[in-house]
C-alpha atoms as a PDB file:
ATOM      1  CA  MET A   1     106.716 227.653 134.318  1.00  0.00           C
ATOM      2  CA  GLN A   2     107.034 225.864 137.646  1.00  0.00           C
ATOM      3  CA  ASN A   3     103.424 224.649 137.518  1.00  0.00           C
ATOM      4  CA  ILE A   4     103.801 223.144 134.045  1.00  0.00           C
ATOM      5  CA  ASN A   5     104.188 219.379 133.909  1.00  0.00           C
ATOM      6  CA  HIS A   6     107.336 219.273 131.771  1.00  0.00           C
ATOM      7  CA  ALA A   7     107.184 215.479 131.555  1.00  0.00           C
ATOM      8  CA  ALA A   8     103.706 215.695 129.984  1.00  0.00           C
ATOM      9  CA  VAL A   9     104.913 218.318 127.493  1.00  0.00           C
ATOM     10  CA  TRP A  10     107.953 216.263 126.451  1.00  0.00           C
ATOM     11  CA  ALA A  11     105.970 213.007 126.308  1.00  0.00           C
ATOM     12  CA  SER A  12     103.517 214.781 124.010  1.00  0.00           C
ATOM     13  CA  ALA A  13     106.376 216.054 121.857  1.00  0.00           C
ATOM     14  CA  ILE A  14     107.753 212.541 121.444  1.00  0.00           C
ATOM     15  CA  LEU A  15     104.332 211.129 120.564  1.00  0.00           C
ATOM     16  CA  LEU A  16     103.709 213.932 118.053  1.00  0.00           C
ATOM     17  CA  THR A  17     107.021 213.174 116.373  1.00  0.00           C
ATOM     18  CA  VAL A  18     106.004 209.530 116.044  1.00  0.00           C
ATOM     19  CA  LEU A  19     102.564 210.599 114.803  1.00  0.00           C
ATOM     20  CA  GLY A  20     104.204 212.795 112.162  1.00  0.00           C
ATOM     21  CA  PHE A  21     106.282 209.921 110.830  1.00  0.00           C
ATOM     22  CA  VAL A  22     103.224 207.659 110.666  1.00  0.00           C
ATOM     23  CA  TRP A  23     100.855 210.356 109.338  1.00  0.00           C
ATOM     24  CA  TYR A  24     103.138 211.592 106.564  1.00  0.00           C
ATOM     25  CA  GLY A  25     104.533 208.119 105.958  1.00  0.00           C
ATOM     26  CA  PRO A  26     102.338 205.045 105.686  1.00  0.00           C
ATOM     27  CA  LEU A  27      98.981 206.745 106.348  1.00  0.00           C
ATOM     28  CA  PHE A  28      98.951 209.767 104.026  1.00  0.00           C
ATOM     29  CA  GLY A  29     102.494 210.096 102.665  1.00  0.00           C
ATOM     30  CA  GLU A  30     101.710 209.212  99.083  1.00  0.00           C
ATOM     31  CA  PRO A  31      98.666 211.458  98.576  1.00  0.00           C
ATOM     32  CA  TRP A  32     100.304 214.300 100.528  1.00  0.00           C
ATOM     33  CA  MET A  33     103.435 214.142  98.371  1.00  0.00           C
ATOM     34  CA  ALA A  34     101.328 214.177  95.202  1.00  0.00           C
ATOM     35  CA  MET A  35      99.328 217.197  96.411  1.00  0.00           C
ATOM     36  CA  VAL A  36     102.466 219.215  97.221  1.00  0.00           C
ATOM     37  CA  ASP A  37     104.227 218.133  94.006  1.00  0.00           C
ATOM     38  CA  LEU A  38     106.933 216.013  95.619  1.00  0.00           C
ATOM     39  CA  ASP A  39     108.194 212.590  94.678  1.00  0.00           C
ATOM     40  CA  MET A  40     110.563 210.209  96.433  1.00  0.00           C
ATOM     41  CA  ALA A  41     113.326 210.758  93.884  1.00  0.00           C
ATOM     42  CA  THR A  42     113.325 214.505  94.629  1.00  0.00           C
ATOM     43  CA  VAL A  43     113.223 213.930  98.391  1.00  0.00           C
ATOM     44  CA  GLU A  44     116.043 211.371  98.254  1.00  0.00           C
ATOM     45  CA  ALA A  45     118.145 213.686  96.072  1.00  0.00           C
ATOM     46  CA  ASN A  46     117.512 216.612  98.453  1.00  0.00           C
ATOM     47  CA  PRO A  47     117.074 215.185 101.964  1.00  0.00           C
ATOM     48  CA  PRO A  48     115.828 217.582 104.641  1.00  0.00           C
ATOM     49  CA  GLY A  49     118.656 219.453 106.331  1.00  0.00           C
ATOM     50  CA  THR A  50     119.296 219.998 110.003  1.00  0.00           C
ATOM     51  CA  GLU A  51     117.456 223.334 109.953  1.00  0.00           C
ATOM     52  CA  ILE A  52     114.174 221.607 109.088  1.00  0.00           C
ATOM     53  CA  TRP A  53     114.469 219.222 112.032  1.00  0.00           C
ATOM     54  CA  ILE A  54     115.483 221.991 114.447  1.00  0.00           C
ATOM     55  CA  THR A  55     112.553 224.101 113.246  1.00  0.00           C
ATOM     56  CA  ASN A  56     110.253 221.087 113.584  1.00  0.00           C
ATOM     57  CA  ILE A  57     111.339 220.493 117.185  1.00  0.00           C
ATOM     58  CA  ILE A  58     110.828 224.156 118.070  1.00  0.00           C
ATOM     59  CA  ALA A  59     107.474 224.240 116.261  1.00  0.00           C
ATOM     60  CA  THR A  60     106.399 221.208 118.294  1.00  0.00           C
ATOM     61  CA  ILE A  61     107.699 222.207 121.737  1.00  0.00           C
ATOM     62  CA  VAL A  62     106.665 225.877 121.819  1.00  0.00           C
ATOM     63  CA  PRO A  63     102.926 225.299 121.170  1.00  0.00           C
ATOM     64  CA  LEU A  64     102.917 222.451 123.701  1.00  0.00           C
ATOM     65  CA  TYR A  65     104.310 224.736 126.389  1.00  0.00           C
ATOM     66  CA  VAL A  66     101.794 227.431 125.440  1.00  0.00           C
ATOM     67  CA  LEU A  67      99.023 224.825 125.673  1.00  0.00           C
ATOM     68  CA  ALA A  68     100.275 223.671 129.084  1.00  0.00           C
ATOM     69  CA  TRP A  69     100.431 227.281 130.293  1.00  0.00           C
ATOM     70  CA  LEU A  70      96.945 227.962 128.934  1.00  0.00           C
ATOM     71  CA  PHE A  71      95.582 224.848 130.636  1.00  0.00           C
ATOM     72  CA  ILE A  72      96.873 226.173 133.959  1.00  0.00           C
ATOM     73  CA  LYS A  73      95.118 229.507 133.322  1.00  0.00           C
ATOM     74  CA  LEU A  74      91.907 227.694 132.311  1.00  0.00           C
ATOM     75  CA  ASN A  75      92.185 225.349 135.302  1.00  0.00           C
ATOM     76  CA  VAL A  76      92.084 222.246 133.105  1.00  0.00           C
ATOM     77  CA  LYS A  77      92.254 219.213 135.399  1.00  0.00           C
ATOM     78  CA  THR A  78      91.108 216.297 133.247  1.00  0.00           C
ATOM     79  CA  ALA A  79      92.110 214.620 130.016  1.00  0.00           C
ATOM     80  CA  LEU A  80      88.630 215.210 128.607  1.00  0.00           C
ATOM     81  CA  ASP A  81      88.797 218.957 129.305  1.00  0.00           C
ATOM     82  CA  GLY A  82      92.281 219.025 127.782  1.00  0.00           C
ATOM     83  CA  LEU A  83      90.981 217.274 124.678  1.00  0.00           C
ATOM     84  CA  LYS A  84      88.045 219.678 124.379  1.00  0.00           C
ATOM     85  CA  TYR A  85      90.082 222.868 124.744  1.00  0.00           C
ATOM     86  CA  ALA A  86      92.910 221.652 122.500  1.00  0.00           C
ATOM     87  CA  LEU A  87      90.507 220.769 119.699  1.00  0.00           C
ATOM     88  CA  ILE A  88      88.592 224.053 119.990  1.00  0.00           C
ATOM     89  CA  ILE A  89      91.825 226.055 119.899  1.00  0.00           C
ATOM     90  CA  THR A  90      93.346 224.122 117.009  1.00  0.00           C
ATOM     91  CA  PHE A  91      90.202 224.059 114.908  1.00  0.00           C
ATOM     92  CA  SER A  92      89.547 227.780 115.429  1.00  0.00           C
ATOM     93  CA  PHE A  93      93.049 229.215 115.152  1.00  0.00           C
ATOM     94  CA  HIS A  94      94.846 226.746 112.908  1.00  0.00           C
ATOM     95  CA  PHE A  95      92.630 224.407 110.905  1.00  0.00           C
ATOM     96  CA  LEU A  96      90.290 227.074 109.513  1.00  0.00           C
ATOM     97  CA  SER A  97      93.255 229.310 108.575  1.00  0.00           C
ATOM     98  CA  VAL A  98      94.988 226.447 106.785  1.00  0.00           C
ATOM     99  CA  MET A  99      91.796 225.606 104.944  1.00  0.00           C
ATOM    100  CA  THR A 100      91.295 229.215 103.829  1.00  0.00           C
ATOM    101  CA  SER A 101      94.932 229.605 102.752  1.00  0.00           C
ATOM    102  CA  ASN A 102      94.893 226.340 100.832  1.00  0.00           C
ATOM    103  CA  LEU A 103      91.660 227.214  99.048  1.00  0.00           C
ATOM    104  CA  PHE A 104      92.910 230.680  98.042  1.00  0.00           C
ATOM    105  CA  ALA A 105      96.179 229.099  96.862  1.00  0.00           C
ATOM    106  CA  MET A 106      94.066 226.719  94.776  1.00  0.00           C
ATOM    107  CA  GLN A 107      95.514 223.726  96.579  1.00  0.00           C
ATOM    108  CA  ASP A 108      93.716 220.418  96.565  1.00  0.00           C
ATOM    109  CA  TYR A 109      90.836 220.532  99.067  1.00  0.00           C
ATOM    110  CA  TRP A 110      91.961 217.248 100.616  1.00  0.00           C
ATOM    111  CA  LEU A 111      95.391 218.691 101.412  1.00  0.00           C
ATOM    112  CA  THR A 112      93.709 220.655 104.200  1.00  0.00           C
ATOM    113  CA  TRP A 113      92.293 217.468 105.637  1.00  0.00           C
ATOM    114  CA  ILE A 114      95.715 215.818 105.602  1.00  0.00           C
ATOM    115  CA  THR A 115      97.719 218.714 107.065  1.00  0.00           C
ATOM    116  CA  GLY A 116      94.906 220.072 109.220  1.00  0.00           C
ATOM    117  CA  GLY A 117      93.892 216.559 110.204  1.00  0.00           C
ATOM    118  CA  TYR A 118      97.380 215.959 111.548  1.00  0.00           C
ATOM    119  CA  SER A 119      97.072 219.124 113.627  1.00  0.00           C
ATOM    120  CA  LEU A 120      93.693 218.079 115.012  1.00  0.00           C
ATOM    121  CA  VAL A 121      94.881 214.579 115.932  1.00  0.00           C
ATOM    122  CA  ALA A 122      98.101 216.001 117.411  1.00  0.00           C
ATOM    123  CA  SER A 123      96.062 218.469 119.472  1.00  0.00           C
ATOM    124  CA  ALA A 124      93.769 215.731 120.673  1.00  0.00           C
ATOM    125  CA  ILE A 125      96.743 213.662 121.839  1.00  0.00           C
ATOM    126  CA  SER A 126      98.423 216.667 123.460  1.00  0.00           C
ATOM    127  CA  GLY A 127      95.221 217.822 125.119  1.00  0.00           C
ATOM    128  CA  LEU A 128      94.592 214.388 126.578  1.00  0.00           C
ATOM    129  CA  ILE A 129      98.137 214.046 127.907  1.00  0.00           C
ATOM    130  CA  ILE A 130      98.743 217.582 129.169  1.00  0.00           C
ATOM    131  CA  GLY A 131      95.203 217.975 130.494  1.00  0.00           C
ATOM    132  CA  GLY A 132      95.107 214.581 132.159  1.00  0.00           C
ATOM    133  CA  TRP A 133      98.657 214.203 133.472  1.00  0.00           C
ATOM    134  CA  GLN A 134      98.538 216.437 136.495  1.00  0.00           C
ATOM    135  CA  LYS A 135     101.731 217.549 138.155  1.00  0.00           C
ATOM    136  CA  ARG A 136     101.938 216.389 141.738  1.00  0.00           C
ATOM    137  CA  SER A 137     103.115 218.856 144.368  1.00  0.00           C
ATOM    138  CA  ASN A 138     106.416 216.961 144.833  1.00  0.00           C
ATOM    139  CA  GLU A 139     107.298 216.943 141.082  1.00  0.00           C
END
């Protein structure tokens, strides 16, 4: 843990939170809500509770720390390498699983591109930041 750049991990977490609000808000909020059978009236009548936000924070931070740890093991030293590895990992282990699950659940095909697309963009951002923001020896 001492070799992990905690500032890069937390900066990524903050940016991913902002990305989530933009992605599931103005960019794709309306089609996403329609595909998962939600509407604003239902959401406003049943706002997300604290447990959702705590789970969201944990589900954001833990993979970022795993990515940072993995980058140390892979000797990732540049933003471009971070981007490459993050996208390969996310596409292979997350995106394809989401796509398969959604198709078997007879979900709208484009739902995968919204939810999986968020994951790919989030990984790209995280890979660039964590891969490129090297911890100096005095940090």
